[in-house]
Each structure stands twice: as structure tokens, then as C-alpha cells.
Protein backbone atom coordinates (compact mmCIF):
# COMPACT_ATOMS: atom_id res chain seq x y z
CA MET A 1 72.37 30.86 155.28
CA THR A 2 73.36 28.86 158.73
CA HIS A 3 75.60 30.12 161.56
CA SER A 4 75.70 28.93 165.09
CA ALA A 5 73.90 31.81 166.63
CA GLU A 6 71.60 35.16 165.41
CA PRO A 7 74.52 37.84 164.79
CA GLN A 8 75.47 39.66 168.03
CA PRO A 9 76.17 43.52 167.54
CA ARG A 10 80.24 43.91 167.86
CA THR A 11 82.42 46.58 166.48
CA PHE A 12 84.96 45.31 164.08
CA THR A 13 88.37 47.38 163.46
CA ARG A 14 90.43 44.67 161.28
CA TYR A 15 89.40 43.10 158.57
CA VAL A 16 91.43 40.76 156.47
CA ALA A 17 90.52 38.59 153.71
CA LEU A 18 92.00 35.52 152.84
CA GLY A 19 91.31 33.33 149.54
CA ASP A 20 91.51 32.80 145.50
CA SER A 21 90.35 34.85 143.08
CA GLN A 22 86.66 35.22 143.96
CA THR A 23 88.20 37.13 146.89
CA GLU A 24 90.87 39.08 144.60
CA GLY A 25 87.63 40.05 142.77
CA LEU A 26 88.05 38.69 139.34
CA GLY A 27 84.77 39.63 137.19
CA ASP A 28 84.43 42.79 139.08
CA GLY A 29 86.59 45.09 137.63
CA ASP A 30 89.94 44.63 135.30
CA GLU A 31 93.65 44.42 134.94
CA ILE A 32 93.48 48.01 134.14
CA ARG A 33 91.55 49.74 136.33
CA GLY A 34 91.96 47.24 139.26
CA TYR A 35 89.54 44.61 140.44
CA ARG A 36 86.67 45.05 143.39
CA GLY A 37 85.16 42.21 144.64
CA LEU A 38 83.30 40.75 147.12
CA ALA A 39 86.05 41.09 149.83
CA ASP A 40 86.56 45.15 148.96
CA ARG A 41 82.39 45.18 148.79
CA LEU A 42 82.19 43.63 152.49
CA ALA A 43 84.75 46.17 153.54
CA GLU A 44 83.00 49.05 152.03
CA HIS A 45 79.67 47.87 154.36
CA LEU A 46 81.63 47.66 157.11
CA ALA A 47 83.22 50.78 156.83
CA VAL A 48 79.70 52.60 157.14
CA ALA A 49 79.16 51.22 160.25
CA PHE A 50 82.67 51.17 161.82
CA PRO A 51 84.66 53.91 160.34
CA ASP A 52 88.05 53.16 161.83
CA LEU A 53 87.90 49.87 160.18
CA HIS A 54 91.54 48.72 158.41
CA TYR A 55 91.36 46.27 155.78
CA ALA A 56 93.88 43.57 154.31
CA ASN A 57 93.45 41.04 151.66
CA LEU A 58 95.76 38.35 151.03
CA SER A 59 93.86 36.30 148.25
CA VAL A 60 96.25 35.66 145.47
CA ARG A 61 94.30 34.16 142.00
CA GLY A 62 94.47 30.43 141.07
CA ARG A 63 95.20 29.41 145.00
CA LEU A 64 94.60 25.91 146.33
CA ALA A 65 93.21 25.60 149.67
CA SER A 66 96.39 24.44 150.83
CA GLN A 67 98.36 26.97 149.47
CA VAL A 68 95.89 29.49 151.07
CA LEU A 69 96.63 27.78 154.59
CA ALA A 70 100.56 28.14 154.06
CA GLU A 71 100.98 31.25 152.42
CA GLN A 72 98.30 33.36 153.86
CA LEU A 73 97.12 31.91 157.25
CA PRO A 74 100.42 33.14 158.88
CA ALA A 75 100.21 36.64 157.91
CA ALA A 76 96.93 36.78 158.37
CA LEU A 77 97.55 35.92 162.01
CA ALA A 78 100.09 38.60 162.31
CA LEU A 79 97.76 41.14 161.50
CA ARG A 80 95.41 40.13 164.71
CA PRO A 81 92.26 40.37 162.59
CA ASP A 82 89.20 40.79 164.59
CA LEU A 83 87.04 39.55 161.14
CA ALA A 84 88.17 37.20 158.91
CA THR A 85 86.74 35.83 155.36
CA VAL A 86 87.96 32.10 154.19
CA ILE A 87 86.79 31.43 150.88
CA ALA A 88 88.95 28.70 149.13
CA GLY A 89 88.40 25.20 147.67
CA MET A 90 87.21 25.40 143.93
CA ASN A 91 90.23 25.77 142.40
CA ASP A 92 90.97 22.35 144.10
CA LEU A 93 87.65 20.78 143.26
CA ILE A 94 87.54 21.46 139.39
CA ARG A 95 91.20 19.37 139.61
CA PRO A 96 92.03 15.34 138.87
CA GLY A 97 92.54 14.32 142.21
CA PHE A 98 90.47 16.31 144.04
CA ASP A 99 90.12 14.71 147.83
CA ALA A 100 87.10 16.74 149.99
CA ASP A 101 88.86 15.60 153.24
CA ALA A 102 92.41 17.12 152.70
CA VAL A 103 90.44 20.27 151.08
CA ALA A 104 88.40 20.57 154.40
CA ALA A 105 91.05 20.18 156.41
CA SER A 106 93.22 22.83 155.33
CA LEU A 107 89.86 24.83 155.57
CA GLU A 108 89.34 23.66 159.24
CA GLU A 109 92.95 24.18 160.70
CA MET A 110 92.21 28.07 158.82
CA PHE A 111 88.93 28.35 160.82
CA ALA A 112 90.81 27.22 163.77
CA ALA A 113 93.54 29.20 163.77
CA LEU A 114 91.29 32.29 163.15
CA THR A 115 88.80 31.71 165.76
CA ALA A 116 90.92 30.95 168.41
CA SER A 117 93.12 34.26 167.76
CA GLY A 118 89.79 36.03 168.54
CA ALA A 119 88.85 36.64 164.93
CA HIS A 120 84.72 36.05 163.80
CA VAL A 121 85.14 34.27 160.54
CA LEU A 122 82.66 33.66 157.77
CA THR A 123 83.10 31.45 154.97
CA VAL A 124 80.68 30.01 152.08
CA THR A 125 79.06 26.95 150.40
CA PHE A 126 79.73 26.32 146.89
CA PRO A 127 76.88 26.40 144.04
CA ASP A 128 75.80 23.88 141.75
CA ILE A 129 78.56 24.37 139.31
CA GLY A 130 76.87 22.38 136.67
CA LYS A 131 74.10 24.72 136.63
CA ILE A 132 76.40 27.56 135.27
CA ALA A 133 78.75 25.53 132.95
CA PRO A 134 77.22 22.47 131.81
CA LEU A 135 80.33 20.64 131.32
CA ALA A 136 80.69 20.71 135.15
CA ARG A 137 77.66 18.88 135.41
CA PRO A 138 79.84 15.49 136.44
CA LEU A 139 81.18 17.35 139.31
CA LEU A 140 77.94 17.94 141.63
CA PRO A 141 79.06 14.89 143.76
CA ARG A 142 82.19 17.00 144.61
CA VAL A 143 80.64 20.47 145.62
CA LEU A 144 78.00 18.27 147.89
CA ALA A 145 80.79 16.71 149.51
CA LEU A 146 82.68 20.16 149.82
CA ASN A 147 80.10 21.82 151.10
CA GLU A 148 78.96 18.95 154.05
CA ARG A 149 82.53 19.08 154.95
CA VAL A 150 82.48 23.09 155.55
CA ARG A 151 79.48 23.13 157.35
CA GLU A 152 80.71 20.58 159.80
CA ALA A 153 84.18 22.48 160.22
CA ALA A 154 82.29 25.73 160.18
CA ALA A 155 79.98 24.21 163.26
CA ARG A 156 82.82 23.34 165.07
CA HIS A 157 84.69 26.47 165.39
CA ASP A 158 81.83 28.49 165.17
CA VAL A 159 82.34 29.89 161.80
CA THR A 160 79.66 31.80 159.74
CA VAL A 161 78.42 29.79 157.04
CA VAL A 162 76.51 32.15 153.84
CA ASP A 163 75.16 28.93 152.47
CA THR A 164 74.58 30.02 148.70
CA PHE A 165 73.95 25.95 147.65
CA PRO A 166 70.19 26.20 147.82
CA HIS A 167 69.09 29.31 146.51
CA ALA A 168 68.71 29.75 142.96
CA PHE A 169 70.40 33.21 142.36
CA ALA A 170 73.45 31.41 142.73
CA THR A 171 73.56 29.53 139.75
CA ASP A 172 71.86 32.09 137.49
CA VAL A 173 74.25 33.21 134.51
CA ARG A 174 73.86 36.98 135.35
CA MET A 175 75.75 36.26 138.71
CA TRP A 176 78.42 35.27 136.64
CA SER A 177 80.86 36.56 134.59
CA ALA A 178 81.74 35.50 130.82
CA ASP A 179 84.64 33.12 132.07
CA ARG A 180 81.90 31.20 134.30
CA LEU A 181 84.47 30.70 136.77
CA HIS A 182 84.12 33.98 138.60
CA ALA A 183 81.56 36.29 139.70
CA SER A 184 80.24 39.17 137.73
CA PRO A 185 79.91 42.35 139.38
CA LEU A 186 75.94 41.31 140.49
CA GLY A 187 77.58 38.44 142.02
CA HIS A 188 80.15 39.74 144.27
CA ALA A 189 77.66 42.34 145.51
CA ARG A 190 75.28 40.28 146.50
CA ILE A 191 77.87 37.74 148.53
CA ALA A 192 78.94 41.51 150.31
CA ALA A 193 75.50 41.86 150.91
CA ALA A 194 75.47 38.00 152.60
CA PHE A 195 77.97 38.93 154.58
CA ALA A 196 76.70 41.99 155.68
CA HIS A 197 73.77 40.05 156.82
CA ALA A 198 75.19 37.37 158.53
CA LEU A 199 77.10 39.93 160.89
CA GLY A 200 73.88 41.90 161.14
CA LEU A 201 75.39 45.32 159.95
CA PRO A 202 73.13 48.56 159.92
CA GLY A 203 71.12 48.70 156.71
CA SER A 204 71.24 44.68 155.71
CA ASP A 205 68.87 42.51 155.23
CA ASP A 206 67.62 39.71 153.50
CA THR A 207 67.41 40.43 149.72
CA TRP A 208 70.85 39.34 148.71
CA SER A 209 69.16 35.37 148.45
CA ALA A 210 66.33 36.81 146.47
CA PRO A 211 66.40 35.15 143.20
CA LEU A 212 66.67 37.48 139.94
CA VAL A 213 63.57 38.40 137.69
CA PRO A 214 63.10 35.46 135.25
CA VAL A 215 64.19 36.63 131.89
CA ALA A 216 63.47 34.54 128.43
CA PRO A 217 65.47 31.66 127.92
CA ARG A 218 67.81 31.47 124.84
CA GLY A 219 67.19 29.19 122.20
CA ARG A 220 69.25 26.17 121.07
CA LEU A 221 71.52 27.51 118.19
CA ARG A 222 72.26 30.54 120.87
CA THR A 223 72.99 28.46 123.58
CA ALA A 224 75.39 26.27 121.54
CA GLY A 225 77.23 28.98 120.03
CA THR A 226 77.86 30.25 123.58
CA GLU A 227 78.95 26.85 124.51
CA VAL A 228 81.48 26.58 121.84
CA ARG A 229 82.84 30.37 122.48
CA TRP A 230 83.35 29.49 126.13
CA VAL A 231 85.30 26.17 125.45
CA ALA A 232 87.17 27.99 123.08
CA GLY A 233 87.67 31.43 125.27
CA PHE A 234 88.04 29.84 128.43
CA ALA A 235 87.74 26.17 129.05
CA GLY A 236 90.57 25.76 126.74
CA PRO A 237 93.26 28.10 128.02
CA TRP A 238 92.46 26.75 131.46
CA ILE A 239 93.08 23.25 130.49
CA TYR A 240 96.37 24.31 128.75
CA ARG A 241 97.52 25.99 131.45
CA ARG A 242 97.25 22.72 133.91
CA ILE A 243 98.61 20.74 131.04
CA ARG A 244 101.54 23.12 131.59
CA GLY A 245 101.52 22.91 135.19
CA ARG A 246 101.18 27.26 135.12
CA SER A 247 98.44 28.60 137.24
CA SER A 248 96.64 32.14 136.90
CA GLY A 249 98.47 33.60 139.85
CA ASP A 250 102.13 32.34 139.10
CA GLY A 251 104.59 35.19 140.07
CA ARG A 252 101.40 37.39 141.95
CA SER A 253 101.42 38.36 145.40
CA ALA A 254 98.47 39.63 147.70
CA LYS A 255 96.24 42.08 146.71
CA ARG A 256 96.35 44.12 150.09
CA PRO A 257 98.81 42.51 152.14
CA ASP A 258 98.89 45.63 154.73
CA LEU A 259 96.05 47.10 156.55
CA ALA A 260 94.89 50.42 155.37
CA PRO A 261 91.64 52.54 155.95
CA VAL A 262 88.47 51.88 153.80
CA LEU A 263 88.01 54.21 150.67
CA LEU A 264 84.13 54.24 150.00
CA TYR A 265 83.43 53.54 146.00
CA ALA A 266 81.68 56.02 144.19
CA GLU A 267 79.11 54.03 142.12
CA GLU A 268 78.53 55.20 138.45
């Protein structure tokens, strides 16, 4: 984890989350029960420490960084947050024509505006997605380029960065849902715990960064079958949507557009 200084005790009462499907919580719940996700989980950590906390989540799945900037930043500023998370760029990174400088510029504009308004801002770096989905191995240079620019932009605006890239847990298959595009419940919980630790919340520590207990590797035949099913079930439909110029977020609005009190989740 990298950030400009050790977290100082501070009271937060207005948390606003900006981003795409990860912040919306895909992979942690479903369309019937609803999605929880890293932002909801962080809000729960915060609400334990600050019972007066109100929380809004402006994220919409499928959004590019420029769309998060255009659609979510004005609404976020209007809510006057004292804490904000900004996670965007992965949807850009996996598309043809990716431009690291342009994506980073959108992120930096959000960092600058939110910190200037008085909010403490947190963000993340991205893992090596080629270790999660082998077909994405050629994208490593893009990941490295974007992460470098995120760190630089964050440093210029005193934004806290949870640096997931160096940690083995971030590419463990158990951290990801079956589609390999969205974190699993465990993955969302780990990132929320990392944010809580970066903020110095009571009860938080660095166990979020610990590797998972090793499991026996799968055989080649089983691995090949898994790859075929993934391409058919997830990669293929994603590519088809891109060809048609469609997004999973078409017609969707913000998950939680208004600040409201946080209800603590009862673990099963």
C-alpha cells in the first residue's frame, strides 16, 4: 500500500463512491438479492466507527473512466463528501484503443476536484489480469502503464492509493468470480479491508494483504475445460456486446444516488 503519510484520525460523515461494476458490487450478490461489494463493505466498516455516517454509491457497471468523470463527478461534488473512493479504468484497459494518458487524465481530474472540495480520496492500482485470465496476458504493459500514472496522479493530489498489484492474493482465483471480470465476495471484502486499514479505522490491520492458503493445482485437462467454458460463458458475450456497441450498463442508473444511513449487513 502506498500513500503520502500515515493515516491520521479523522471523522467521516459523508462517503461517496464513484466507479464502475467493481464499485457497484458485481460478483458479490446477484440481481435478485442485490449487490453488496467493496464500497458497501467499506461503508459498513466506517459506520461502526462513525455511527452518523451517510453513504452514496454513484457507480454504474460498464462505465469508462471518462464516463465516470462526466456522469458521476458533478453529482458527487453536489453531495459534499468528506470521503470518496474513485475506482475506474479497467473497462478502458481491456478495450482496443486504450490510452493510458487519457484514462489517467480522467482519474486525475476527479482526484483534483474531490480533494479540492475537502474530501479524502482513496483509489487502487490494478492487478496483473493475465494471471487471472490467461487470454489477457498481452495486456500487462497496459496494466503497468496505468498503475504508474495512477500512482503519480494520486501523489500530486494527496490521494491514498491501495497498491494491490504487488500482492499475490490479488490474482488468486478465489479472489475473483467465475467471470474473472469482477471480484468475488472475498475479493470485495479484502479491498474494503485494505481501504479501512489505509484510513486507520479501529479494528483494521494489514491482514488484507496476506496470501491465501495454497491449494493443489488443477490438472491440465480440467484447466483447459475451465478456459473453454469461460470463453463461451463470459468472454464471448462480452466481445459480442462490444461488436454491437453495447454496454452492460446501458439503461442503468446510479446504485445509491443519495446519501443515506448505513445498515450493517448480517453475515450468514
